[in-house]
Amino acid sequence: MSSRNKVATTCTASLEMTLPTAVDDLHDTVSQKYKAWPERIYVIASDGRIVDKTGPGPFLFRPRQAKRALDKLLAGRERK
């Protein structure tokens, strides 16, 4: 297992993430191709509004903040 995979595994476990996690290769092929910088967590409503945006990752990711925004968004959706 590569060191990147080990870090990703540790991170997803410590943050209790249940979403699938992808890890780029050592040459950052995907990041270079798709210009995935800065990484952020966005919560986007179905109408395209950005409901929540965390800081650049991985150190300023706020998964609990994103979860609260998702929960609030979904709760409002159920009331309609």
PDB file of N, CA and C in Angstrom:
ATOM      1  N   MET A   1       0.857  -1.181   0.000  1.00  0.00           N
ATOM      2  CA  MET A   1       0.000   0.000   0.000  1.00  0.00           C
ATOM      3  C   MET A   1       0.899   1.238   0.000  1.00  0.00           C
ATOM      4  N   SER A   2       0.592   2.188  -0.880  1.00  0.00           N
ATOM      5  CA  SER A   2       1.406   3.399  -0.961  1.00  0.00           C
ATOM      6  C   SER A   2       1.164   4.279   0.256  1.00  0.00           C
ATOM      7  N   SER A   3       2.085   5.203   0.484  1.00  0.00           N
ATOM      8  CA  SER A   3       1.923   6.111   1.622  1.00  0.00           C
ATOM      9  C   SER A   3       0.684   6.988   1.434  1.00  0.00           C
ATOM     10  N   ARG A   4       0.362   7.348   0.196  1.00  0.00           N
ATOM     11  CA  ARG A   4      -0.856   8.133  -0.049  1.00  0.00           C
ATOM     12  C   ARG A   4      -2.101   7.341   0.332  1.00  0.00           C
ATOM     13  N   ASN A   5      -2.109   6.070   0.007  1.00  0.00           N
ATOM     14  CA  ASN A   5      -3.252   5.228   0.376  1.00  0.00           C
ATOM     15  C   ASN A   5      -3.365   5.095   1.884  1.00  0.00           C
ATOM     16  N   LYS A   6      -2.232   4.982   2.560  1.00  0.00           N
ATOM     17  CA  LYS A   6      -2.254   4.881   4.024  1.00  0.00           C
ATOM     18  C   LYS A   6      -2.821   6.157   4.639  1.00  0.00           C
ATOM     19  N   VAL A   7      -2.385   7.307   4.139  1.00  0.00           N
ATOM     20  CA  VAL A   7      -2.892   8.585   4.649  1.00  0.00           C
ATOM     21  C   VAL A   7      -4.390   8.711   4.373  1.00  0.00           C
ATOM     22  N   ALA A   8      -4.819   8.350   3.181  1.00  0.00           N
ATOM     23  CA  ALA A   8      -6.237   8.425   2.837  1.00  0.00           C
ATOM     24  C   ALA A   8      -7.072   7.509   3.728  1.00  0.00           C
ATOM     25  N   THR A   9      -6.568   6.322   3.975  1.00  0.00           N
ATOM     26  CA  THR A   9      -7.274   5.374   4.839  1.00  0.00           C
ATOM     27  C   THR A   9      -7.385   5.921   6.256  1.00  0.00           C
ATOM     28  N   THR A  10      -6.301   6.462   6.774  1.00  0.00           N
ATOM     29  CA  THR A  10      -6.300   7.048   8.114  1.00  0.00           C
ATOM     30  C   THR A  10      -7.251   8.238   8.187  1.00  0.00           C
ATOM     31  N   CYS A  11      -7.208   9.098   7.171  1.00  0.00           N
ATOM     32  CA  CYS A  11      -8.054  10.287   7.139  1.00  0.00           C
ATOM     33  C   CYS A  11      -9.535   9.912   7.096  1.00  0.00           C
ATOM     34  N   THR A  12      -9.907   9.030   6.202  1.00  0.00           N
ATOM     35  CA  THR A  12     -11.324   8.662   6.085  1.00  0.00           C
ATOM     36  C   THR A  12     -11.822   7.978   7.358  1.00  0.00           C
ATOM     37  N   ALA A  13     -10.968   7.194   7.993  1.00  0.00           N
ATOM     38  CA  ALA A  13     -11.365   6.535   9.244  1.00  0.00           C
ATOM     39  C   ALA A  13     -11.523   7.553  10.369  1.00  0.00           C
ATOM     40  N   SER A  14     -10.556   8.460  10.495  1.00  0.00           N
ATOM     41  CA  SER A  14     -10.621   9.424  11.602  1.00  0.00           C
ATOM     42  C   SER A  14     -11.757  10.426  11.428  1.00  0.00           C
ATOM     43  N   LEU A  15     -12.110  10.750  10.182  1.00  0.00           N
ATOM     44  CA  LEU A  15     -13.221  11.663   9.920  1.00  0.00           C
ATOM     45  C   LEU A  15     -14.555  10.936   9.800  1.00  0.00           C
ATOM     46  N   GLU A  16     -14.507   9.615   9.944  1.00  0.00           N
ATOM     47  CA  GLU A  16     -15.700   8.772   9.841  1.00  0.00           C
ATOM     48  C   GLU A  16     -16.444   9.011   8.527  1.00  0.00           C
ATOM     49  N   MET A  17     -15.679   9.140   7.451  1.00  0.00           N
ATOM     50  CA  MET A  17     -16.267   9.365   6.132  1.00  0.00           C
ATOM     51  C   MET A  17     -16.789   8.050   5.563  1.00  0.00           C
ATOM     52  N   THR A  18     -17.965   8.104   4.995  1.00  0.00           N
ATOM     53  CA  THR A  18     -18.549   6.900   4.400  1.00  0.00           C
ATOM     54  C   THR A  18     -18.620   7.003   2.883  1.00  0.00           C
ATOM     55  N   LEU A  19     -18.175   8.139   2.334  1.00  0.00           N
ATOM     56  CA  LEU A  19     -18.155   8.304   0.882  1.00  0.00           C
ATOM     57  C   LEU A  19     -16.965   7.567   0.292  1.00  0.00           C
ATOM     58  N   PRO A  20     -17.075   7.096  -0.926  1.00  0.00           N
ATOM     59  CA  PRO A  20     -15.913   6.480  -1.572  1.00  0.00           C
ATOM     60  C   PRO A  20     -14.772   7.494  -1.672  1.00  0.00           C
ATOM     61  N   THR A  21     -13.564   7.035  -1.513  1.00  0.00           N
ATOM     62  CA  THR A  21     -12.395   7.908  -1.559  1.00  0.00           C
ATOM     63  C   THR A  21     -11.475   7.453  -2.682  1.00  0.00           C
ATOM     64  N   ALA A  22     -11.034   8.403  -3.481  1.00  0.00           N
ATOM     65  CA  ALA A  22     -10.091   8.110  -4.560  1.00  0.00           C
ATOM     66  C   ALA A  22      -8.752   8.744  -4.215  1.00  0.00           C
ATOM     67  N   VAL A  23      -7.670   8.079  -4.592  1.00  0.00           N
ATOM     68  CA  VAL A  23      -6.327   8.572  -4.318  1.00  0.00           C
ATOM     69  C   VAL A  23      -5.581   8.682  -5.644  1.00  0.00           C
ATOM     70  N   ASP A  24      -5.041   9.874  -5.902  1.00  0.00           N
ATOM     71  CA  ASP A  24      -4.297  10.117  -7.140  1.00  0.00           C
ATOM     72  C   ASP A  24      -2.952   9.396  -7.079  1.00  0.00           C
ATOM     73  N   ASP A  25      -2.344   9.187  -8.234  1.00  0.00           N
ATOM     74  CA  ASP A  25      -1.025   8.555  -8.261  1.00  0.00           C
ATOM     75  C   ASP A  25       0.058   9.546  -7.827  1.00  0.00           C
ATOM     76  N   LEU A  26       1.283   9.082  -7.709  1.00  0.00           N
ATOM     77  CA  LEU A  26       2.377   9.924  -7.225  1.00  0.00           C
ATOM     78  C   LEU A  26       2.734  11.054  -8.171  1.00  0.00           C
ATOM     79  N   HIS A  27       2.270  10.976  -9.423  1.00  0.00           N
ATOM     80  CA  HIS A  27       2.539  12.034 -10.399  1.00  0.00           C
ATOM     81  C   HIS A  27       1.391  13.049 -10.471  1.00  0.00           C
ATOM     82  N   ASP A  28       0.374  12.875  -9.604  1.00  0.00           N
ATOM     83  CA  ASP A  28      -0.793  13.771  -9.569  1.00  0.00           C
ATOM     84  C   ASP A  28      -1.477  13.886 -10.932  1.00  0.00           C
ATOM     85  N   THR A  29      -1.589  12.778 -11.625  1.00  0.00           N
ATOM     86  CA  THR A  29      -2.154  12.763 -12.970  1.00  0.00           C
ATOM     87  C   THR A  29      -3.571  13.339 -13.016  1.00  0.00           C
ATOM     88  N   VAL A  30      -4.431  12.903 -12.133  1.00  0.00           N
ATOM     89  CA  VAL A  30      -5.816  13.378 -12.134  1.00  0.00           C
ATOM     90  C   VAL A  30      -5.871  14.853 -11.751  1.00  0.00           C
ATOM     91  N   SER A  31      -5.133  15.231 -10.735  1.00  0.00           N
ATOM     92  CA  SER A  31      -5.112  16.625 -10.306  1.00  0.00           C
ATOM     93  C   SER A  31      -4.645  17.542 -11.432  1.00  0.00           C
ATOM     94  N   GLN A  32      -3.611  17.129 -12.143  1.00  0.00           N
ATOM     95  CA  GLN A  32      -3.113  17.940 -13.252  1.00  0.00           C
ATOM     96  C   GLN A  32      -4.125  18.022 -14.395  1.00  0.00           C
ATOM     97  N   LYS A  33      -4.760  16.914 -14.678  1.00  0.00           N
ATOM     98  CA  LYS A  33      -5.704  16.888 -15.790  1.00  0.00           C
ATOM     99  C   LYS A  33      -6.942  17.731 -15.507  1.00  0.00           C
ATOM    100  N   TYR A  34      -7.454  17.642 -14.279  1.00  0.00           N
ATOM    101  CA  TYR A  34      -8.694  18.330 -13.941  1.00  0.00           C
ATOM    102  C   TYR A  34      -8.485  19.587 -13.109  1.00  0.00           C
ATOM    103  N   LYS A  35      -7.248  19.942 -12.852  1.00  0.00           N
ATOM    104  CA  LYS A  35      -6.923  21.155 -12.088  1.00  0.00           C
ATOM    105  C   LYS A  35      -7.670  21.198 -10.757  1.00  0.00           C
ATOM    106  N   ALA A  36      -7.524  20.142 -10.004  1.00  0.00           N
ATOM    107  CA  ALA A  36      -8.250  19.985  -8.740  1.00  0.00           C
ATOM    108  C   ALA A  36      -7.571  20.722  -7.589  1.00  0.00           C
ATOM    109  N   TRP A  37      -7.324  22.010  -7.784  1.00  0.00           N
ATOM    110  CA  TRP A  37      -6.699  22.777  -6.714  1.00  0.00           C
ATOM    111  C   TRP A  37      -7.344  24.149  -6.659  1.00  0.00           C
ATOM    112  N   PRO A  38      -7.677  24.721  -5.565  1.00  0.00           N
ATOM    113  CA  PRO A  38      -7.580  24.074  -4.260  1.00  0.00           C
ATOM    114  C   PRO A  38      -8.761  23.145  -4.034  1.00  0.00           C
ATOM    115  N   GLU A  39      -8.512  22.074  -3.355  1.00  0.00           N
ATOM    116  CA  GLU A  39      -9.566  21.127  -3.020  1.00  0.00           C
ATOM    117  C   GLU A  39     -10.461  21.757  -1.967  1.00  0.00           C
ATOM    118  N   ARG A  40     -11.729  21.552  -2.100  1.00  0.00           N
ATOM    119  CA  ARG A  40     -12.691  22.051  -1.123  1.00  0.00           C
ATOM    120  C   ARG A  40     -13.865  21.094  -1.066  1.00  0.00           C
ATOM    121  N   ILE A  41     -14.637  21.223  -0.021  1.00  0.00           N
ATOM    122  CA  ILE A  41     -15.901  20.501   0.071  1.00  0.00           C
ATOM    123  C   ILE A  41     -17.002  21.519  -0.194  1.00  0.00           C
ATOM    124  N   TYR A  42     -17.822  21.254  -1.190  1.00  0.00           N
ATOM    125  CA  TYR A  42     -18.952  22.117  -1.511  1.00  0.00           C
ATOM    126  C   TYR A  42     -20.243  21.355  -1.255  1.00  0.00           C
ATOM    127  N   VAL A  43     -21.250  22.063  -0.740  1.00  0.00           N
ATOM    128  CA  VAL A  43     -22.616  21.542  -0.685  1.00  0.00           C
ATOM    129  C   VAL A  43     -23.407  22.433  -1.631  1.00  0.00           C
ATOM    130  N   ILE A  44     -23.975  21.814  -2.658  1.00  0.00           N
ATOM    131  CA  ILE A  44     -24.668  22.559  -3.701  1.00  0.00           C
ATOM    132  C   ILE A  44     -26.123  22.111  -3.737  1.00  0.00           C
ATOM    133  N   ALA A  45     -27.025  23.079  -3.654  1.00  0.00           N
ATOM    134  CA  ALA A  45     -28.459  22.791  -3.697  1.00  0.00           C
ATOM    135  C   ALA A  45     -28.847  22.361  -5.103  1.00  0.00           C
ATOM    136  N   SER A  46     -30.010  21.743  -5.219  1.00  0.00           N
ATOM    137  CA  SER A  46     -30.453  21.247  -6.522  1.00  0.00           C
ATOM    138  C   SER A  46     -30.677  22.374  -7.530  1.00  0.00           C
ATOM    139  N   ASP A  47     -30.857  23.616  -7.051  1.00  0.00           N
ATOM    140  CA  ASP A  47     -31.019  24.749  -7.967  1.00  0.00           C
ATOM    141  C   ASP A  47     -29.682  25.391  -8.346  1.00  0.00           C
ATOM    142  N   GLY A  48     -28.579  24.783  -7.887  1.00  0.00           N
ATOM    143  CA  GLY A  48     -27.255  25.262  -8.248  1.00  0.00           C
ATOM    144  C   GLY A  48     -26.617  26.226  -7.264  1.00  0.00           C
ATOM    145  N   ARG A  49     -27.344  26.640  -6.229  1.00  0.00           N
ATOM    146  CA  ARG A  49     -26.770  27.536  -5.218  1.00  0.00           C
ATOM    147  C   ARG A  49     -25.724  26.804  -4.386  1.00  0.00           C
ATOM    148  N   ILE A  50     -24.627  27.495  -4.094  1.00  0.00           N
ATOM    149  CA  ILE A  50     -23.640  26.949  -3.169  1.00  0.00           C
ATOM    150  C   ILE A  50     -24.149  27.239  -1.771  1.00  0.00           C
ATOM    151  N   VAL A  51     -24.475  26.178  -1.034  1.00  0.00           N
ATOM    152  CA  VAL A  51     -25.039  26.303   0.302  1.00  0.00           C
ATOM    153  C   VAL A  51     -23.927  26.357   1.345  1.00  0.00           C
ATOM    154  N   ASP A  52     -22.824  25.688   1.087  1.00  0.00           N
ATOM    155  CA  ASP A  52     -21.716  25.667   2.032  1.00  0.00           C
ATOM    156  C   ASP A  52     -20.427  25.387   1.274  1.00  0.00           C
ATOM    157  N   LYS A  53     -19.345  26.021   1.713  1.00  0.00           N
ATOM    158  CA  LYS A  53     -18.028  25.801   1.115  1.00  0.00           C
ATOM    159  C   LYS A  53     -17.013  25.821   2.245  1.00  0.00           C
ATOM    160  N   THR A  54     -16.227  24.768   2.360  1.00  0.00           N
ATOM    161  CA  THR A  54     -15.206  24.738   3.398  1.00  0.00           C
ATOM    162  C   THR A  54     -13.915  25.349   2.864  1.00  0.00           C
ATOM    163  N   GLY A  55     -12.928  25.467   3.727  1.00  0.00           N
ATOM    164  CA  GLY A  55     -11.624  25.977   3.319  1.00  0.00           C
ATOM    165  C   GLY A  55     -10.892  24.948   2.475  1.00  0.00           C
ATOM    166  N   PRO A  56      -9.761  25.356   1.895  1.00  0.00           N
ATOM    167  CA  PRO A  56      -8.996  24.417   1.083  1.00  0.00           C
ATOM    168  C   PRO A  56      -8.477  23.255   1.927  1.00  0.00           C
ATOM    169  N   GLY A  57      -8.455  22.100   1.310  1.00  0.00           N
ATOM    170  CA  GLY A  57      -8.087  20.894   2.036  1.00  0.00           C
ATOM    171  C   GLY A  57      -6.628  20.554   1.915  1.00  0.00           C
ATOM    172  N   PRO A  58      -6.276  19.576   2.665  1.00  0.00           N
ATOM    173  CA  PRO A  58      -7.149  18.807   3.542  1.00  0.00           C
ATOM    174  C   PRO A  58      -7.291  19.414   4.935  1.00  0.00           C
ATOM    175  N   PHE A  59      -6.452  20.365   5.304  1.00  0.00           N
ATOM    176  CA  PHE A  59      -6.432  20.836   6.692  1.00  0.00           C
ATOM    177  C   PHE A  59      -7.571  21.783   7.041  1.00  0.00           C
ATOM    178  N   LEU A  60      -8.180  22.416   6.067  1.00  0.00           N
ATOM    179  CA  LEU A  60      -9.302  23.309   6.343  1.00  0.00           C
ATOM    180  C   LEU A  60     -10.642  22.727   5.906  1.00  0.00           C
ATOM    181  N   PHE A  61     -10.655  21.437   5.545  1.00  0.00           N
ATOM    182  CA  PHE A  61     -11.926  20.766   5.304  1.00  0.00           C
ATOM    183  C   PHE A  61     -12.702  20.793   6.617  1.00  0.00           C
ATOM    184  N   ARG A  62     -13.985  20.965   6.526  1.00  0.00           N
ATOM    185  CA  ARG A  62     -14.856  20.933   7.702  1.00  0.00           C
ATOM    186  C   ARG A  62     -16.014  19.985   7.410  1.00  0.00           C
ATOM    187  N   PRO A  63     -15.759  18.674   7.477  1.00  0.00           N
ATOM    188  CA  PRO A  63     -16.814  17.720   7.113  1.00  0.00           C
ATOM    189  C   PRO A  63     -18.056  17.819   7.990  1.00  0.00           C
ATOM    190  N   ARG A  64     -17.891  18.135   9.261  1.00  0.00           N
ATOM    191  CA  ARG A  64     -19.079  18.258  10.128  1.00  0.00           C
ATOM    192  C   ARG A  64     -19.915  19.476   9.720  1.00  0.00           C
ATOM    193  N   GLN A  65     -19.242  20.560   9.351  1.00  0.00           N
ATOM    194  CA  GLN A  65     -19.929  21.753   8.849  1.00  0.00           C
ATOM    195  C   GLN A  65     -20.698  21.415   7.578  1.00  0.00           C
ATOM    196  N   ALA A  66     -20.068  20.686   6.676  1.00  0.00           N
ATOM    197  CA  ALA A  66     -20.726  20.287   5.432  1.00  0.00           C
ATOM    198  C   ALA A  66     -21.917  19.383   5.723  1.00  0.00           C
ATOM    199  N   LYS A  67     -21.769  18.493   6.682  1.00  0.00           N
ATOM    200  CA  LYS A  67     -22.869  17.592   7.047  1.00  0.00           C
ATOM    201  C   LYS A  67     -24.054  18.384   7.599  1.00  0.00           C
ATOM    202  N   ARG A  68     -23.780  19.365   8.454  1.00  0.00           N
ATOM    203  CA  ARG A  68     -24.866  20.194   8.984  1.00  0.00           C
ATOM    204  C   ARG A  68     -25.591  20.927   7.854  1.00  0.00           C
ATOM    205  N   ALA A  69     -24.833  21.446   6.906  1.00  0.00           N
ATOM    206  CA  ALA A  69     -25.444  22.143   5.768  1.00  0.00           C
ATOM    207  C   ALA A  69     -26.300  21.181   4.946  1.00  0.00           C
ATOM    208  N   LEU A  70     -25.789  19.971   4.728  1.00  0.00           N
ATOM    209  CA  LEU A  70     -26.568  18.958   4.001  1.00  0.00           C
ATOM    210  C   LEU A  70     -27.835  18.598   4.753  1.00  0.00           C
ATOM    211  N   ASP A  71     -27.701  18.374   6.060  1.00  0.00           N
ATOM    212  CA  ASP A  71     -28.865  18.022   6.882  1.00  0.00           C
ATOM    213  C   ASP A  71     -29.920  19.128   6.821  1.00  0.00           C
ATOM    214  N   LYS A  72     -29.479  20.386   6.930  1.00  0.00           N
ATOM    215  CA  LYS A  72     -30.398  21.518   6.884  1.00  0.00           C
ATOM    216  C   LYS A  72     -31.077  21.596   5.510  1.00  0.00           C
ATOM    217  N   LEU A  73     -30.297  21.411   4.483  1.00  0.00           N
ATOM    218  CA  LEU A  73     -30.826  21.445   3.119  1.00  0.00           C
ATOM    219  C   LEU A  73     -31.861  20.342   2.917  1.00  0.00           C
ATOM    220  N   LEU A  74     -31.537  19.150   3.349  1.00  0.00           N
ATOM    221  CA  LEU A  74     -32.454  18.017   3.178  1.00  0.00           C
ATOM    222  C   LEU A  74     -33.694  18.160   4.049  1.00  0.00           C
ATOM    223  N   ALA A  75     -33.556  18.721   5.245  1.00  0.00           N
ATOM    224  CA  ALA A  75     -34.711  18.928   6.117  1.00  0.00           C
ATOM    225  C   ALA A  75     -35.687  19.918   5.485  1.00  0.00           C
ATOM    226  N   GLY A  76     -35.166  20.969   4.885  1.00  0.00           N
ATOM    227  CA  GLY A  76     -36.017  21.944   4.210  1.00  0.00           C
ATOM    228  C   GLY A  76     -36.706  21.362   3.003  1.00  0.00           C
ATOM    229  N   ARG A  77     -36.042  20.457   2.353  1.00  0.00           N
ATOM    230  CA  ARG A  77     -36.590  19.787   1.166  1.00  0.00           C
ATOM    231  C   ARG A  77     -37.776  18.907   1.537  1.00  0.00           C
ATOM    232  N   GLU A  78     -37.694  18.258   2.720  1.00  0.00           N
ATOM    233  CA  GLU A  78     -38.770  17.375   3.161  1.00  0.00           C
ATOM    234  C   GLU A  78     -40.027  18.153   3.530  1.00  0.00           C
ATOM    235  N   ARG A  79     -39.853  19.398   3.978  1.00  0.00           N
ATOM    236  CA  ARG A  79     -41.005  20.206   4.390  1.00  0.00           C
ATOM    237  C   ARG A  79     -41.826  20.696   3.211  1.00  0.00           C
ATOM    238  N   LYS A  80     -41.208  20.770   2.057  1.00  0.00           N
ATOM    239  CA  LYS A  80     -41.898  21.321   0.866  1.00  0.00           C
ATOM    240  C   LYS A  80     -42.911  20.365   0.304  1.00  0.00           C
TER     241      LYS A  80
END
